[in-house]
Amino acid sequence: MQPEQHNLADAVVIGGGPAGLLAAIYLARFRRSVVLIDAGQSRIEKIPRSHNYPGFAGGVSGAKVRDMLRAQMCSYPVRVIQTFVERAKRATDASFHLDTREGSIAGRRLLLATGVTDIPPAMPRVRAALEAGVLRYCPVCDAYEVIGKAVGVYADGSAGVAEAIYLRHFSADITLFMAQGGHQLSEQERRRLSDAGIRWNGAPVDAIRKAGDRIEVMHAGTRTFCDTLYCALGVAVHSQIAKALGASLDETGYVEIDAHHATSVPGLYAAGDVSVGLNQIAVAMGGAAIAASAIHLALGPDWPARTDG
């Protein structure tokens, strides 16, 4: 769909994941004109099955959640544009103007739901490993599924220590693999791991690959098999637009928000994984509802013509 060049929407939402889709639904139901910009790269598409999403006792795939929200949104007059935002600026009238690959878009309020991307390990067939459950990213999401199993944690910094200790609650068989080897661990970190009964491998990791229904970690000419491997290399936070507009970010790049999901820039809001908080589907959607409600109130009354006769 080609964007209109001069229409000023009440709200522009950037991001087609759960937060962006739900925010667009809320805003449309508030009788606001809404433009949703979707680059088609939501993190949710890579979730093979979520057991934390409400209402699905057997779990649900991320793609199905996305498709259900898209279908629901289609019931309302949301203008969806599939494109990338290349530049953003705030005009003198406090509106937001976006340059995209499809043209210019403007809105009185802007909601960022641009999310994050997990940093994957260097291994072949990452998607197949994720779908098989032998490679995982989020212990908050799915540590329940690895109870009592042989679990590896692959990291390149101290975050791996915290993740291994977190997983120790679910299994007594935890091994930490540091990308550059055990010398990356401080004496205090080694003590914490030892006190928790967690092994760590001293050799640098040479390669990681899916091996049948397990995962194989190769190091210094030997190999260790795990039932599943958690990758703790962190995420890339897609907060570039927020930064360009002058919004405050925390030390890790997340957009800082208040209780209404407003950023430090008037009229700019953020919801979902791009903002400070727990990276969970339910949390993202709750934040989107809060942000959309706050945007509606901030826009003020717009007494529409009566349609009930």
C-alpha atoms as a PDB file:
ATOM      1  CA  MET A   1       0.000   0.000   0.000  1.00  0.00           C
ATOM      2  CA  GLN A   2       1.381   3.408  -0.935  1.00  0.00           C
ATOM      3  CA  PRO A   3       1.417   5.976   1.886  1.00  0.00           C
ATOM      4  CA  GLU A   4      -0.316   9.284   1.444  1.00  0.00           C
ATOM      5  CA  GLN A   5       2.106  12.182   1.402  1.00  0.00           C
ATOM      6  CA  HIS A   6       0.246  14.883   3.296  1.00  0.00           C
ATOM      7  CA  ASN A   7      -2.292  13.284   5.641  1.00  0.00           C
ATOM      8  CA  LEU A   8      -1.424  13.666   9.303  1.00  0.00           C
ATOM      9  CA  ALA A   9      -2.453  10.552  11.218  1.00  0.00           C
ATOM     10  CA  ASP A  10      -3.394  10.734  14.862  1.00  0.00           C
ATOM     11  CA  ALA A  11      -0.815   8.057  15.597  1.00  0.00           C
ATOM     12  CA  VAL A  12       1.907   6.202  13.739  1.00  0.00           C
ATOM     13  CA  VAL A  13       3.014   2.836  15.117  1.00  0.00           C
ATOM     14  CA  ILE A  14       6.343   1.392  14.007  1.00  0.00           C
ATOM     15  CA  GLY A  15       6.594  -2.373  14.404  1.00  0.00           C
ATOM     16  CA  GLY A  16       4.416  -5.309  13.380  1.00  0.00           C
ATOM     17  CA  GLY A  17       4.957  -7.565  16.383  1.00  0.00           C
ATOM     18  CA  PRO A  18       2.518  -8.143  19.264  1.00  0.00           C
ATOM     19  CA  ALA A  19       3.038  -4.689  20.797  1.00  0.00           C
ATOM     20  CA  GLY A  20       2.611  -2.810  17.539  1.00  0.00           C
ATOM     21  CA  LEU A  21      -0.381  -4.818  16.360  1.00  0.00           C
ATOM     22  CA  LEU A  22      -2.246  -4.537  19.650  1.00  0.00           C
ATOM     23  CA  ALA A  23      -1.490  -0.814  19.940  1.00  0.00           C
ATOM     24  CA  ALA A  24      -2.937  -0.285  16.463  1.00  0.00           C
ATOM     25  CA  ILE A  25      -6.073  -2.229  17.427  1.00  0.00           C
ATOM     26  CA  TYR A  26      -6.556  -0.173  20.588  1.00  0.00           C
ATOM     27  CA  LEU A  27      -6.003   3.140  18.832  1.00  0.00           C
ATOM     28  CA  ALA A  28      -8.404   2.247  16.018  1.00  0.00           C
ATOM     29  CA  ARG A  29     -11.042   1.279  18.569  1.00  0.00           C
ATOM     30  CA  PHE A  30     -10.477   4.677  20.187  1.00  0.00           C
ATOM     31  CA  ARG A  31     -11.548   6.110  16.795  1.00  0.00           C
ATOM     32  CA  ARG A  32      -8.099   7.421  16.031  1.00  0.00           C
ATOM     33  CA  SER A  33      -6.546   7.417  12.571  1.00  0.00           C
ATOM     34  CA  VAL A  34      -3.658   4.961  12.695  1.00  0.00           C
ATOM     35  CA  VAL A  35      -0.789   4.057  10.410  1.00  0.00           C
ATOM     36  CA  LEU A  36       1.128   0.861  11.189  1.00  0.00           C
ATOM     37  CA  ILE A  37       4.573   0.477   9.626  1.00  0.00           C
ATOM     38  CA  ASP A  38       5.634  -3.162   9.480  1.00  0.00           C
ATOM     39  CA  ALA A  39       9.025  -4.235   8.114  1.00  0.00           C
ATOM     40  CA  GLY A  40       8.038  -7.902   8.482  1.00  0.00           C
ATOM     41  CA  GLN A  41      10.918  -8.790  10.792  1.00  0.00           C
ATOM     42  CA  SER A  42       9.245  -9.331  14.138  1.00  0.00           C
ATOM     43  CA  ARG A  43      11.089 -11.503  16.642  1.00  0.00           C
ATOM     44  CA  ILE A  44       7.842 -13.382  17.318  1.00  0.00           C
ATOM     45  CA  GLU A  45       8.096 -15.173  13.964  1.00  0.00           C
ATOM     46  CA  LYS A  46      11.077 -17.145  15.305  1.00  0.00           C
ATOM     47  CA  ILE A  47       9.270 -18.548  18.359  1.00  0.00           C
ATOM     48  CA  PRO A  48       8.407 -22.196  17.614  1.00  0.00           C
ATOM     49  CA  ARG A  49       6.059 -22.522  20.603  1.00  0.00           C
ATOM     50  CA  SER A  50       5.269 -20.295  23.573  1.00  0.00           C
ATOM     51  CA  HIS A  51       3.795 -21.797  26.724  1.00  0.00           C
ATOM     52  CA  ASN A  52       3.509 -18.435  28.508  1.00  0.00           C
ATOM     53  CA  TYR A  53       0.980 -16.860  26.165  1.00  0.00           C
ATOM     54  CA  PRO A  54      -2.430 -16.771  27.910  1.00  0.00           C
ATOM     55  CA  GLY A  55      -5.221 -19.064  26.817  1.00  0.00           C
ATOM     56  CA  PHE A  56      -3.250 -21.815  25.070  1.00  0.00           C
ATOM     57  CA  ALA A  57      -2.740 -24.740  27.414  1.00  0.00           C
ATOM     58  CA  GLY A  58      -0.648 -26.651  24.865  1.00  0.00           C
ATOM     59  CA  GLY A  59       1.340 -23.626  23.768  1.00  0.00           C
ATOM     60  CA  VAL A  60       1.126 -21.614  20.571  1.00  0.00           C
ATOM     61  CA  SER A  61       3.595 -20.663  17.867  1.00  0.00           C
ATOM     62  CA  GLY A  62       4.730 -17.084  17.553  1.00  0.00           C
ATOM     63  CA  ALA A  63       3.568 -16.990  13.938  1.00  0.00           C
ATOM     64  CA  LYS A  64       0.038 -17.973  14.992  1.00  0.00           C
ATOM     65  CA  VAL A  65      -0.078 -15.202  17.613  1.00  0.00           C
ATOM     66  CA  ARG A  66       1.032 -12.719  14.971  1.00  0.00           C
ATOM     67  CA  ASP A  67      -1.531 -13.979  12.447  1.00  0.00           C
ATOM     68  CA  MET A  68      -4.375 -13.829  14.986  1.00  0.00           C
ATOM     69  CA  LEU A  69      -3.518 -10.237  15.845  1.00  0.00           C
ATOM     70  CA  ARG A  70      -3.246  -9.299  12.173  1.00  0.00           C
ATOM     71  CA  ALA A  71      -6.659 -10.817  11.478  1.00  0.00           C
ATOM     72  CA  GLN A  72      -8.170  -8.931  14.410  1.00  0.00           C
ATOM     73  CA  MET A  73      -6.595  -5.674  13.251  1.00  0.00           C
ATOM     74  CA  CYS A  74      -8.113  -6.112   9.798  1.00  0.00           C
ATOM     75  CA  SER A  75     -11.537  -5.520  11.368  1.00  0.00           C
ATOM     76  CA  TYR A  76     -10.578  -1.859  11.870  1.00  0.00           C
ATOM     77  CA  PRO A  77      -9.470   0.980   9.572  1.00  0.00           C
ATOM     78  CA  VAL A  78      -5.730   0.711  10.249  1.00  0.00           C
ATOM     79  CA  ARG A  79      -3.533   1.752   7.330  1.00  0.00           C
ATOM     80  CA  VAL A  80      -0.743  -0.831   7.106  1.00  0.00           C
ATOM     81  CA  ILE A  81       2.428   0.014   5.188  1.00  0.00           C
ATOM     82  CA  GLN A  82       5.064  -2.665   4.710  1.00  0.00           C
ATOM     83  CA  THR A  83       8.312  -0.755   4.645  1.00  0.00           C
ATOM     84  CA  PHE A  84      11.385   0.370   6.601  1.00  0.00           C
ATOM     85  CA  VAL A  85      11.757   3.741   8.310  1.00  0.00           C
ATOM     86  CA  GLU A  86      14.970   5.391   7.185  1.00  0.00           C
ATOM     87  CA  ARG A  87      14.766   8.752   8.968  1.00  0.00           C
ATOM     88  CA  ALA A  88      12.608  10.360  11.641  1.00  0.00           C
ATOM     89  CA  LYS A  89      12.284  13.943  12.814  1.00  0.00           C
ATOM     90  CA  ARG A  90      10.026  16.039  15.020  1.00  0.00           C
ATOM     91  CA  ALA A  91       8.502  19.039  13.271  1.00  0.00           C
ATOM     92  CA  THR A  92       7.983  22.510  14.727  1.00  0.00           C
ATOM     93  CA  ASP A  93       4.296  21.684  15.304  1.00  0.00           C
ATOM     94  CA  ALA A  94       5.424  18.717  17.484  1.00  0.00           C
ATOM     95  CA  SER A  95       4.258  16.135  14.932  1.00  0.00           C
ATOM     96  CA  PHE A  96       6.527  13.323  13.775  1.00  0.00           C
ATOM     97  CA  HIS A  97       7.644  12.961  10.166  1.00  0.00           C
ATOM     98  CA  LEU A  98       9.076   9.710   8.890  1.00  0.00           C
ATOM     99  CA  ASP A  99      10.931   9.053   5.651  1.00  0.00           C
ATOM    100  CA  THR A 100      10.396   5.476   4.516  1.00  0.00           C
ATOM    101  CA  ARG A 101      11.297   3.471   1.446  1.00  0.00           C
ATOM    102  CA  GLU A 102       7.708   4.003   0.292  1.00  0.00           C
ATOM    103  CA  GLY A 103       7.423   7.738   0.924  1.00  0.00           C
ATOM    104  CA  SER A 104       6.745  10.136   3.794  1.00  0.00           C
ATOM    105  CA  ILE A 105       4.428   9.490   6.733  1.00  0.00           C
ATOM    106  CA  ALA A 106       3.430  11.896   9.487  1.00  0.00           C
ATOM    107  CA  GLY A 107       1.593  11.552  12.783  1.00  0.00           C
ATOM    108  CA  ARG A 108       0.644  13.627  15.792  1.00  0.00           C
ATOM    109  CA  ARG A 109       1.949  10.886  18.073  1.00  0.00           C
ATOM    110  CA  LEU A 110       4.518   8.154  17.470  1.00  0.00           C
ATOM    111  CA  LEU A 111       4.707   4.745  19.148  1.00  0.00           C
ATOM    112  CA  LEU A 112       7.862   2.681  18.773  1.00  0.00           C
ATOM    113  CA  ALA A 113       7.370  -1.081  18.938  1.00  0.00           C
ATOM    114  CA  THR A 114      10.554  -1.908  17.064  1.00  0.00           C
ATOM    115  CA  GLY A 115      11.687  -4.707  19.377  1.00  0.00           C
ATOM    116  CA  VAL A 116      15.026  -6.472  19.604  1.00  0.00           C
ATOM    117  CA  THR A 117      16.877  -9.215  17.743  1.00  0.00           C
ATOM    118  CA  ASP A 118      18.576 -12.095  19.528  1.00  0.00           C
ATOM    119  CA  ILE A 119      22.278 -12.384  18.709  1.00  0.00           C
ATOM    120  CA  PRO A 120      22.649 -15.958  17.404  1.00  0.00           C
ATOM    121  CA  PRO A 121      25.601 -18.287  17.879  1.00  0.00           C
ATOM    122  CA  ALA A 122      27.850 -18.948  14.892  1.00  0.00           C
ATOM    123  CA  MET A 123      26.432 -22.308  13.863  1.00  0.00           C
ATOM    124  CA  PRO A 124      24.759 -23.817  10.801  1.00  0.00           C
ATOM    125  CA  ARG A 125      20.982 -24.264  10.607  1.00  0.00           C
ATOM    126  CA  VAL A 126      20.165 -21.985  13.552  1.00  0.00           C
ATOM    127  CA  ARG A 127      16.458 -21.906  12.659  1.00  0.00           C
ATOM    128  CA  ALA A 128      16.246 -25.715  12.608  1.00  0.00           C
ATOM    129  CA  ALA A 129      17.944 -25.892  16.016  1.00  0.00           C
ATOM    130  CA  LEU A 130      15.453 -23.373  17.420  1.00  0.00           C
ATOM    131  CA  GLU A 131      12.469 -25.235  16.014  1.00  0.00           C
ATOM    132  CA  ALA A 132      13.765 -28.509  17.478  1.00  0.00           C
ATOM    133  CA  GLY A 133      14.210 -26.928  20.914  1.00  0.00           C
ATOM    134  CA  VAL A 134      17.903 -27.796  21.111  1.00  0.00           C
ATOM    135  CA  LEU A 135      18.783 -24.095  20.890  1.00  0.00           C
ATOM    136  CA  ARG A 136      16.954 -21.569  23.051  1.00  0.00           C
ATOM    137  CA  TYR A 137      17.247 -17.877  23.923  1.00  0.00           C
ATOM    138  CA  CYS A 138      14.832 -17.173  26.771  1.00  0.00           C
ATOM    139  CA  PRO A 139      14.894 -19.141  30.047  1.00  0.00           C
ATOM    140  CA  VAL A 140      12.029 -17.013  31.363  1.00  0.00           C
ATOM    141  CA  CYS A 141       9.952 -18.328  28.457  1.00  0.00           C
ATOM    142  CA  ASP A 142      10.833 -21.987  28.391  1.00  0.00           C
ATOM    143  CA  ALA A 143      13.105 -23.179  31.217  1.00  0.00           C
ATOM    144  CA  TYR A 144      10.163 -25.298  32.378  1.00  0.00           C
ATOM    145  CA  GLU A 145      10.677 -27.409  29.254  1.00  0.00           C
ATOM    146  CA  VAL A 146      14.286 -28.287  30.229  1.00  0.00           C
ATOM    147  CA  ILE A 147      13.633 -29.463  33.786  1.00  0.00           C
ATOM    148  CA  GLY A 148      16.134 -32.162  34.696  1.00  0.00           C
ATOM    149  CA  LYS A 149      17.868 -32.121  31.296  1.00  0.00           C
ATOM    150  CA  ALA A 150      21.500 -31.583  30.359  1.00  0.00           C
ATOM    151  CA  VAL A 151      21.590 -27.844  29.709  1.00  0.00           C
ATOM    152  CA  GLY A 152      24.408 -25.769  28.254  1.00  0.00           C
ATOM    153  CA  VAL A 153      24.780 -22.000  28.358  1.00  0.00           C
ATOM    154  CA  TYR A 154      26.879 -20.307  25.678  1.00  0.00           C
ATOM    155  CA  ALA A 155      28.106 -16.809  26.510  1.00  0.00           C
ATOM    156  CA  ASP A 156      30.760 -14.223  25.819  1.00  0.00           C
ATOM    157  CA  GLY A 157      30.568 -12.284  29.069  1.00  0.00           C
ATOM    158  CA  SER A 158      29.347 -12.183  32.649  1.00  0.00           C
ATOM    159  CA  ALA A 159      25.692 -12.399  31.568  1.00  0.00           C
ATOM    160  CA  GLY A 160      26.305 -16.090  30.992  1.00  0.00           C
ATOM    161  CA  VAL A 161      27.067 -16.614  34.670  1.00  0.00           C
ATOM    162  CA  ALA A 162      23.763 -15.072  35.709  1.00  0.00           C
ATOM    163  CA  GLU A 163      21.865 -17.118  33.117  1.00  0.00           C
ATOM    164  CA  ALA A 164      23.509 -20.378  34.201  1.00  0.00           C
ATOM    165  CA  ILE A 165      22.628 -19.680  37.844  1.00  0.00           C
ATOM    166  CA  TYR A 166      19.055 -18.816  36.826  1.00  0.00           C
ATOM    167  CA  LEU A 167      18.759 -22.160  35.007  1.00  0.00           C
ATOM    168  CA  ARG A 168      20.175 -24.087  37.959  1.00  0.00           C
ATOM    169  CA  HIS A 169      16.709 -23.788  39.532  1.00  0.00           C
ATOM    170  CA  PHE A 170      15.402 -26.071  36.771  1.00  0.00           C
ATOM    171  CA  SER A 171      18.204 -28.608  36.367  1.00  0.00           C
ATOM    172  CA  ALA A 172      21.212 -29.894  38.293  1.00  0.00           C
ATOM    173  CA  ASP A 173      23.056 -30.589  35.022  1.00  0.00           C
ATOM    174  CA  ILE A 174      24.269 -27.178  33.833  1.00  0.00           C
ATOM    175  CA  THR A 175      27.470 -26.445  31.898  1.00  0.00           C
ATOM    176  CA  LEU A 176      28.666 -22.954  31.025  1.00  0.00           C
ATOM    177  CA  PHE A 177      30.648 -22.554  27.795  1.00  0.00           C
ATOM    178  CA  MET A 178      32.499 -19.263  27.370  1.00  0.00           C
ATOM    179  CA  ALA A 179      33.208 -18.344  23.755  1.00  0.00           C
ATOM    180  CA  GLN A 180      36.837 -17.431  24.473  1.00  0.00           C
ATOM    181  CA  GLY A 181      37.351 -19.949  27.255  1.00  0.00           C
ATOM    182  CA  GLY A 182      37.263 -20.058  31.032  1.00  0.00           C
ATOM    183  CA  HIS A 183      39.842 -17.277  31.441  1.00  0.00           C
ATOM    184  CA  GLN A 184      36.945 -14.881  30.816  1.00  0.00           C
ATOM    185  CA  LEU A 185      35.557 -15.772  34.236  1.00  0.00           C
ATOM    186  CA  SER A 186      36.682 -13.849  37.297  1.00  0.00           C
ATOM    187  CA  GLU A 187      37.551 -15.608  40.525  1.00  0.00           C
ATOM    188  CA  GLN A 188      34.300 -14.369  42.058  1.00  0.00           C
ATOM    189  CA  GLU A 189      32.276 -15.696  39.111  1.00  0.00           C
ATOM    190  CA  ARG A 190      33.963 -19.091  39.374  1.00  0.00           C
ATOM    191  CA  ARG A 191      33.110 -19.202  43.049  1.00  0.00           C
ATOM    192  CA  ARG A 192      29.459 -18.390  42.349  1.00  0.00           C
ATOM    193  CA  LEU A 193      29.276 -21.147  39.755  1.00  0.00           C
ATOM    194  CA  SER A 194      30.972 -23.651  42.036  1.00  0.00           C
ATOM    195  CA  ASP A 195      28.652 -22.797  44.934  1.00  0.00           C
ATOM    196  CA  ALA A 196      25.669 -23.436  42.619  1.00  0.00           C
ATOM    197  CA  GLY A 197      27.061 -26.771  41.412  1.00  0.00           C
ATOM    198  CA  ILE A 198      27.514 -25.520  37.842  1.00  0.00           C
ATOM    199  CA  ARG A 199      30.353 -26.739  35.616  1.00  0.00           C
ATOM    200  CA  TRP A 200      32.242 -24.433  33.304  1.00  0.00           C
ATOM    201  CA  ASN A 201      34.382 -25.386  30.367  1.00  0.00           C
ATOM    202  CA  GLY A 202      37.887 -23.962  30.301  1.00  0.00           C
ATOM    203  CA  ALA A 203      38.545 -24.223  26.556  1.00  0.00           C
ATOM    204  CA  PRO A 204      37.322 -21.768  23.905  1.00  0.00           C
ATOM    205  CA  VAL A 205      34.367 -22.952  21.845  1.00  0.00           C
ATOM    206  CA  ASP A 206      35.399 -24.059  18.368  1.00  0.00           C
ATOM    207  CA  ALA A 207      31.990 -24.897  16.905  1.00  0.00           C
ATOM    208  CA  ILE A 208      28.349 -25.580  17.764  1.00  0.00           C
ATOM    209  CA  ARG A 209      26.022 -27.753  15.746  1.00  0.00           C
ATOM    210  CA  LYS A 210      22.764 -29.660  15.962  1.00  0.00           C
ATOM    211  CA  ALA A 211      23.410 -33.388  16.356  1.00  0.00           C
ATOM    212  CA  GLY A 212      20.206 -35.395  16.004  1.00  0.00           C
ATOM    213  CA  ASP A 213      17.883 -34.391  18.827  1.00  0.00           C
ATOM    214  CA  ARG A 214      20.748 -32.868  20.849  1.00  0.00           C
ATOM    215  CA  ILE A 215      23.312 -30.095  20.394  1.00  0.00           C
ATOM    216  CA  GLU A 216      27.054 -30.578  20.184  1.00  0.00           C
ATOM    217  CA  VAL A 217      29.592 -28.066  21.511  1.00  0.00           C
ATOM    218  CA  MET A 218      33.155 -28.615  20.273  1.00  0.00           C
ATOM    219  CA  HIS A 219      36.103 -27.253  22.248  1.00  0.00           C
ATOM    220  CA  ALA A 220      39.839 -27.961  22.158  1.00  0.00           C
ATOM    221  CA  GLY A 221      39.420 -31.134  20.135  1.00  0.00           C
ATOM    222  CA  THR A 222      36.719 -32.578  22.387  1.00  0.00           C
ATOM    223  CA  ARG A 223      32.964 -32.293  22.353  1.00  0.00           C
ATOM    224  CA  THR A 224      30.135 -32.025  24.851  1.00  0.00           C
ATOM    225  CA  PHE A 225      26.524 -32.977  24.122  1.00  0.00           C
ATOM    226  CA  CYS A 226      23.602 -31.107  25.664  1.00  0.00           C
ATOM    227  CA  ASP A 227      19.887 -31.695  25.430  1.00  0.00           C
ATOM    228  CA  THR A 228      19.516 -27.967  24.861  1.00  0.00           C
ATOM    229  CA  LEU A 229      21.808 -24.951  24.688  1.00  0.00           C
ATOM    230  CA  TYR A 230      20.852 -21.460  25.820  1.00  0.00           C
ATOM    231  CA  CYS A 231      22.571 -18.722  23.857  1.00  0.00           C
ATOM    232  CA  ALA A 232      23.368 -15.789  26.171  1.00  0.00           C
ATOM    233  CA  LEU A 233      25.052 -13.471  23.682  1.00  0.00           C
ATOM    234  CA  GLY A 234      22.453 -10.759  24.301  1.00  0.00           C
ATOM    235  CA  VAL A 235      20.198  -8.840  21.948  1.00  0.00           C
ATOM    236  CA  ALA A 236      20.447  -5.959  19.502  1.00  0.00           C
ATOM    237  CA  VAL A 237      17.936  -3.335  20.657  1.00  0.00           C
ATOM    238  CA  HIS A 238      16.261  -1.508  17.759  1.00  0.00           C
ATOM    239  CA  SER A 239      16.238   1.896  19.425  1.00  0.00           C
ATOM    240  CA  GLN A 240      17.913   3.873  16.635  1.00  0.00           C
ATOM    241  CA  ILE A 241      14.790   5.910  15.869  1.00  0.00           C
ATOM    242  CA  ALA A 242      14.318   6.789  19.539  1.00  0.00           C
ATOM    243  CA  LYS A 243      17.954   7.864  19.768  1.00  0.00           C
ATOM    244  CA  ALA A 244      17.682   9.971  16.611  1.00  0.00           C
ATOM    245  CA  LEU A 245      14.665  11.772  18.087  1.00  0.00           C
ATOM    246  CA  GLY A 246      16.553  12.485  21.315  1.00  0.00           C
ATOM    247  CA  ALA A 247      14.881   9.981  23.642  1.00  0.00           C
ATOM    248  CA  SER A 248      16.729   8.746  26.710  1.00  0.00           C
ATOM    249  CA  LEU A 249      18.162   5.233  26.538  1.00  0.00           C
ATOM    250  CA  ASP A 250      19.564   3.127  29.350  1.00  0.00           C
ATOM    251  CA  GLU A 251      23.140   1.828  29.344  1.00  0.00           C
ATOM    252  CA  THR A 252      22.152  -1.238  27.319  1.00  0.00           C
ATOM    253  CA  GLY A 253      20.230   0.677  24.654  1.00  0.00           C
ATOM    254  CA  TYR A 254      16.647   0.122  25.816  1.00  0.00           C
ATOM    255  CA  VAL A 255      14.296   3.104  25.537  1.00  0.00           C
ATOM    256  CA  GLU A 256      13.479   4.568  28.933  1.00  0.00           C
ATOM    257  CA  ILE A 257       9.760   5.030  29.576  1.00  0.00           C
ATOM    258  CA  ASP A 258       7.478   6.213  32.362  1.00  0.00           C
ATOM    259  CA  ALA A 259       4.415   4.492  33.800  1.00  0.00           C
ATOM    260  CA  HIS A 260       2.402   5.506  30.702  1.00  0.00           C
ATOM    261  CA  HIS A 261       5.108   4.253  28.311  1.00  0.00           C
ATOM    262  CA  ALA A 262       5.973   7.828  27.347  1.00  0.00           C
ATOM    263  CA  THR A 263       9.620   8.530  26.529  1.00  0.00           C
ATOM    264  CA  SER A 264      11.570  11.663  27.414  1.00  0.00           C
ATOM    265  CA  VAL A 265      10.456  13.184  24.083  1.00  0.00           C
ATOM    266  CA  PRO A 266       6.931  14.675  24.225  1.00  0.00           C
ATOM    267  CA  GLY A 267       4.544  12.705  22.029  1.00  0.00           C
ATOM    268  CA  LEU A 268       6.898   9.754  21.608  1.00  0.00           C
ATOM    269  CA  TYR A 269       5.993   6.428  23.233  1.00  0.00           C
ATOM    270  CA  ALA A 270       7.575   2.980  23.297  1.00  0.00           C
ATOM    271  CA  ALA A 271       6.206  -0.482  24.059  1.00  0.00           C
ATOM    272  CA  GLY A 272       7.367  -4.049  23.763  1.00  0.00           C
ATOM    273  CA  ASP A 273      10.926  -5.339  23.802  1.00  0.00           C
ATOM    274  CA  VAL A 274      12.481  -2.033  22.680  1.00  0.00           C
ATOM    275  CA  SER A 275      11.554  -0.441  26.005  1.00  0.00           C
ATOM    276  CA  VAL A 276      12.879  -1.125  29.476  1.00  0.00           C
ATOM    277  CA  GLY A 277      11.194  -4.193  30.963  1.00  0.00           C
ATOM    278  CA  LEU A 278      10.757  -7.954  30.721  1.00  0.00           C
ATOM    279  CA  ASN A 279      10.969  -9.270  27.151  1.00  0.00           C
ATOM    280  CA  GLN A 280       7.745 -11.299  27.127  1.00  0.00           C
ATOM    281  CA  ILE A 281       4.796 -11.375  24.717  1.00  0.00           C
ATOM    282  CA  ALA A 282       2.249 -10.740  27.457  1.00  0.00           C
ATOM    283  CA  VAL A 283       4.300  -7.867  28.859  1.00  0.00           C
ATOM    284  CA  ALA A 284       4.694  -6.336  25.397  1.00  0.00           C
ATOM    285  CA  MET A 285       0.958  -6.462  24.792  1.00  0.00           C
ATOM    286  CA  GLY A 286       0.167  -5.019  28.216  1.00  0.00           C
ATOM    287  CA  GLY A 287       2.580  -2.182  27.546  1.00  0.00           C
ATOM    288  CA  ALA A 288       0.967  -1.559  24.171  1.00  0.00           C
ATOM    289  CA  ALA A 289      -2.459  -1.257  25.806  1.00  0.00           C
ATOM    290  CA  ILE A 290      -1.074   1.247  28.332  1.00  0.00           C
ATOM    291  CA  ALA A 291       0.710   3.270  25.660  1.00  0.00           C
ATOM    292  CA  ALA A 292      -2.274   3.357  23.285  1.00  0.00           C
ATOM    293  CA  SER A 293      -4.603   4.449  26.083  1.00  0.00           C
ATOM    294  CA  ALA A 294      -2.170   7.201  27.085  1.00  0.00           C
ATOM    295  CA  ILE A 295      -1.860   8.372  23.471  1.00  0.00           C
ATOM    296  CA  HIS A 296      -5.639   8.563  23.117  1.00  0.00           C
ATOM    297  CA  LEU A 297      -5.948  10.719  26.231  1.00  0.00           C
ATOM    298  CA  ALA A 298      -3.011  12.910  25.227  1.00  0.00           C
ATOM    299  CA  LEU A 299      -4.566  13.605  21.821  1.00  0.00           C
ATOM    300  CA  GLY A 300      -7.608  15.014  23.558  1.00  0.00           C
ATOM    301  CA  PRO A 301     -11.279  14.962  22.542  1.00  0.00           C
ATOM    302  CA  ASP A 302     -12.213  14.949  18.877  1.00  0.00           C
ATOM    303  CA  TRP A 303     -16.007  14.943  19.019  1.00  0.00           C
ATOM    304  CA  PRO A 304     -16.860  12.766  16.006  1.00  0.00           C
ATOM    305  CA  ALA A 305     -20.097  13.240  14.138  1.00  0.00           C
ATOM    306  CA  ARG A 306     -22.902  11.107  15.549  1.00  0.00           C
ATOM    307  CA  THR A 307     -23.749   8.010  13.526  1.00  0.00           C
ATOM    308  CA  ASP A 308     -26.615   6.731  15.672  1.00  0.00           C
ATOM    309  CA  GLY A 309     -29.227   9.056  14.276  1.00  0.00           C
END
